[in-house]
Amino acid sequence: GYSVKLEAAAERPDETKLFGTASLFLDDTYHVELARAADVAPLRELGSRLVLSGLRAFIHETSSPGGARFVLGFGPFDLPTVEGVRWQLAEQGQAPQVAEGQDYVGEPLALP
């Protein structure tokens, strides 16, 4: 975890006043991946058939070569949420996998 001191500017520019301390704990984020492909089109088609209440699928470019260049998925989530999404997709006959998205490049393309 981290401890962050919160200070306010005082009347003089070289002075500050401490008004609190905050503790921060950072947790890993996770994604649910459904499929990887060399092109975007088959991932768009698969994404259009999915039904998940309140969630939007994304397509992300990756640094992986060939048939894994693009990925269809959901996220980022914390671990309990990602497991819930993974099970929703598994119950629809999909084969989702949990990933950290470390090979994702740039911003994702959100699907409608």
C-alpha atoms as a PDB file:
ATOM      1  CA  GLY A   1       0.000   0.000   0.000  1.00  0.00           C
ATOM      2  CA  TYR A   2       0.866   3.661  -0.182  1.00  0.00           C
ATOM      3  CA  SER A   3       0.507   6.501   2.260  1.00  0.00           C
ATOM      4  CA  VAL A   4      -0.188   9.877   0.646  1.00  0.00           C
ATOM      5  CA  LYS A   5       0.028  13.157   2.546  1.00  0.00           C
ATOM      6  CA  LEU A   6      -2.523  15.761   1.499  1.00  0.00           C
ATOM      7  CA  GLU A   7      -1.371  19.342   1.814  1.00  0.00           C
ATOM      8  CA  ALA A   8      -3.025  22.683   1.173  1.00  0.00           C
ATOM      9  CA  ALA A   9      -1.225  25.762  -0.024  1.00  0.00           C
ATOM     10  CA  ALA A  10      -0.671  28.303   2.721  1.00  0.00           C
ATOM     11  CA  GLU A  11      -0.641  32.075   2.429  1.00  0.00           C
ATOM     12  CA  ARG A  12       3.028  32.076   1.445  1.00  0.00           C
ATOM     13  CA  PRO A  13       4.116  30.128  -1.661  1.00  0.00           C
ATOM     14  CA  ASP A  14       6.884  28.321   0.231  1.00  0.00           C
ATOM     15  CA  GLU A  15       4.529  26.981   2.942  1.00  0.00           C
ATOM     16  CA  THR A  16       1.981  24.163   2.976  1.00  0.00           C
ATOM     17  CA  LYS A  17      -0.442  22.888   5.598  1.00  0.00           C
ATOM     18  CA  LEU A  18      -1.006  19.171   6.138  1.00  0.00           C
ATOM     19  CA  PHE A  19      -4.733  18.458   6.236  1.00  0.00           C
ATOM     20  CA  GLY A  20      -4.799  14.684   5.989  1.00  0.00           C
ATOM     21  CA  THR A  21      -3.273  11.393   4.974  1.00  0.00           C
ATOM     22  CA  ALA A  22      -4.792   8.810   2.664  1.00  0.00           C
ATOM     23  CA  SER A  23      -3.889   5.145   2.358  1.00  0.00           C
ATOM     24  CA  LEU A  24      -3.977   3.635  -1.121  1.00  0.00           C
ATOM     25  CA  PHE A  25      -3.930  -0.021  -2.009  1.00  0.00           C
ATOM     26  CA  LEU A  26      -3.502  -0.938  -5.658  1.00  0.00           C
ATOM     27  CA  ASP A  27      -4.860  -4.192  -6.982  1.00  0.00           C
ATOM     28  CA  ASP A  28      -4.294  -5.910 -10.301  1.00  0.00           C
ATOM     29  CA  THR A  29      -7.002  -5.634 -12.939  1.00  0.00           C
ATOM     30  CA  TYR A  30      -8.158  -8.477 -15.127  1.00  0.00           C
ATOM     31  CA  HIS A  31      -9.929  -9.008 -18.438  1.00  0.00           C
ATOM     32  CA  VAL A  32     -12.103 -11.813 -19.750  1.00  0.00           C
ATOM     33  CA  GLU A  33     -10.903 -12.882 -23.187  1.00  0.00           C
ATOM     34  CA  LEU A  34     -13.208 -14.790 -25.501  1.00  0.00           C
ATOM     35  CA  ALA A  35     -11.154 -15.162 -28.636  1.00  0.00           C
ATOM     36  CA  ARG A  36      -8.071 -13.998 -30.455  1.00  0.00           C
ATOM     37  CA  ALA A  37      -7.778 -13.612 -34.216  1.00  0.00           C
ATOM     38  CA  ALA A  38      -5.563 -12.213 -36.940  1.00  0.00           C
ATOM     39  CA  ASP A  39      -8.360  -9.848 -38.089  1.00  0.00           C
ATOM     40  CA  VAL A  40     -11.070  -7.771 -36.429  1.00  0.00           C
ATOM     41  CA  ALA A  41     -14.056  -9.018 -38.523  1.00  0.00           C
ATOM     42  CA  PRO A  42     -14.521 -12.478 -36.925  1.00  0.00           C
ATOM     43  CA  LEU A  43     -14.249 -10.945 -33.460  1.00  0.00           C
ATOM     44  CA  ARG A  44     -16.921  -8.339 -34.312  1.00  0.00           C
ATOM     45  CA  GLU A  45     -19.222 -11.125 -35.500  1.00  0.00           C
ATOM     46  CA  LEU A  46     -18.712 -13.159 -32.311  1.00  0.00           C
ATOM     47  CA  GLY A  47     -19.181 -10.048 -30.174  1.00  0.00           C
ATOM     48  CA  SER A  48     -22.505  -9.267 -31.844  1.00  0.00           C
ATOM     49  CA  ARG A  49     -23.929 -12.612 -30.635  1.00  0.00           C
ATOM     50  CA  LEU A  50     -23.089 -12.126 -26.951  1.00  0.00           C
ATOM     51  CA  VAL A  51     -25.655 -11.145 -24.342  1.00  0.00           C
ATOM     52  CA  LEU A  52     -24.300  -9.736 -21.094  1.00  0.00           C
ATOM     53  CA  SER A  53     -26.402  -7.323 -19.103  1.00  0.00           C
ATOM     54  CA  GLY A  54     -24.711  -3.939 -18.678  1.00  0.00           C
ATOM     55  CA  LEU A  55     -21.364  -4.942 -20.199  1.00  0.00           C
ATOM     56  CA  ARG A  56     -19.813  -3.867 -23.485  1.00  0.00           C
ATOM     57  CA  ALA A  57     -17.307  -6.014 -25.283  1.00  0.00           C
ATOM     58  CA  PHE A  58     -14.094  -4.577 -26.653  1.00  0.00           C
ATOM     59  CA  ILE A  59     -11.587  -5.494 -29.323  1.00  0.00           C
ATOM     60  CA  HIS A  60      -8.009  -4.760 -28.428  1.00  0.00           C
ATOM     61  CA  GLU A  61      -4.913  -4.919 -30.574  1.00  0.00           C
ATOM     62  CA  THR A  62      -2.112  -6.925 -28.988  1.00  0.00           C
ATOM     63  CA  SER A  63       1.616  -7.213 -29.446  1.00  0.00           C
ATOM     64  CA  SER A  64       1.199 -10.925 -30.174  1.00  0.00           C
ATOM     65  CA  PRO A  65       1.882 -12.071 -33.742  1.00  0.00           C
ATOM     66  CA  GLY A  66      -0.315 -13.786 -36.329  1.00  0.00           C
ATOM     67  CA  GLY A  67      -3.591 -15.298 -35.176  1.00  0.00           C
ATOM     68  CA  ALA A  68      -3.430 -13.595 -31.784  1.00  0.00           C
ATOM     69  CA  ARG A  69      -3.058 -10.005 -33.037  1.00  0.00           C
ATOM     70  CA  PHE A  70      -6.557  -8.942 -31.894  1.00  0.00           C
ATOM     71  CA  VAL A  71      -8.578 -10.019 -28.862  1.00  0.00           C
ATOM     72  CA  LEU A  72     -12.312  -9.890 -28.055  1.00  0.00           C
ATOM     73  CA  GLY A  73     -13.014  -9.420 -24.378  1.00  0.00           C
ATOM     74  CA  PHE A  74     -14.471  -7.556 -21.421  1.00  0.00           C
ATOM     75  CA  GLY A  75     -12.829  -5.543 -18.660  1.00  0.00           C
ATOM     76  CA  PRO A  76     -10.878  -4.344 -16.834  1.00  0.00           C
ATOM     77  CA  PHE A  77     -12.325  -5.755 -13.607  1.00  0.00           C
ATOM     78  CA  ASP A  78     -11.203  -6.814 -10.171  1.00  0.00           C
ATOM     79  CA  LEU A  79     -10.817 -10.561  -9.641  1.00  0.00           C
ATOM     80  CA  PRO A  80     -14.262 -11.285  -8.123  1.00  0.00           C
ATOM     81  CA  THR A  81     -16.017  -9.400 -10.946  1.00  0.00           C
ATOM     82  CA  VAL A  82     -13.948 -11.032 -13.676  1.00  0.00           C
ATOM     83  CA  GLU A  83     -14.897 -14.459 -12.315  1.00  0.00           C
ATOM     84  CA  GLY A  84     -18.597 -13.533 -12.435  1.00  0.00           C
ATOM     85  CA  VAL A  85     -18.304 -12.378 -16.053  1.00  0.00           C
ATOM     86  CA  ARG A  86     -16.314 -15.495 -16.955  1.00  0.00           C
ATOM     87  CA  TRP A  87     -19.086 -17.695 -15.577  1.00  0.00           C
ATOM     88  CA  GLN A  88     -21.822 -15.751 -17.404  1.00  0.00           C
ATOM     89  CA  LEU A  89     -19.999 -16.376 -20.671  1.00  0.00           C
ATOM     90  CA  ALA A  90     -19.287 -20.016 -19.857  1.00  0.00           C
ATOM     91  CA  GLU A  91     -23.012 -20.548 -19.247  1.00  0.00           C
ATOM     92  CA  GLN A  92     -23.627 -19.232 -22.800  1.00  0.00           C
ATOM     93  CA  GLY A  93     -21.382 -21.953 -24.224  1.00  0.00           C
ATOM     94  CA  GLN A  94     -18.290 -19.769 -24.601  1.00  0.00           C
ATOM     95  CA  ALA A  95     -14.754 -20.675 -23.489  1.00  0.00           C
ATOM     96  CA  PRO A  96     -13.612 -17.485 -21.724  1.00  0.00           C
ATOM     97  CA  GLN A  97     -10.183 -17.070 -20.175  1.00  0.00           C
ATOM     98  CA  VAL A  98      -8.969 -14.622 -17.547  1.00  0.00           C
ATOM     99  CA  ALA A  99      -6.011 -12.454 -18.597  1.00  0.00           C
ATOM    100  CA  GLU A 100      -4.141  -9.440 -17.281  1.00  0.00           C
ATOM    101  CA  GLY A 101      -3.947  -7.829 -20.725  1.00  0.00           C
ATOM    102  CA  GLN A 102      -0.216  -7.247 -20.542  1.00  0.00           C
ATOM    103  CA  ASP A 103       0.166  -7.545 -24.320  1.00  0.00           C
ATOM    104  CA  TYR A 104      -2.621  -5.046 -25.146  1.00  0.00           C
ATOM    105  CA  VAL A 105      -1.562  -2.101 -27.311  1.00  0.00           C
ATOM    106  CA  GLY A 106      -3.291   1.293 -27.434  1.00  0.00           C
ATOM    107  CA  GLU A 107      -6.936   1.976 -26.636  1.00  0.00           C
ATOM    108  CA  PRO A 108      -9.656  -0.657 -27.170  1.00  0.00           C
ATOM    109  CA  LEU A 109     -12.398  -0.539 -29.788  1.00  0.00           C
ATOM    110  CA  ALA A 110     -15.736  -0.674 -27.915  1.00  0.00           C
ATOM    111  CA  LEU A 111     -18.415  -2.730 -29.607  1.00  0.00           C
ATOM    112  CA  PRO A 112     -22.058  -1.563 -29.704  1.00  0.00           C
END
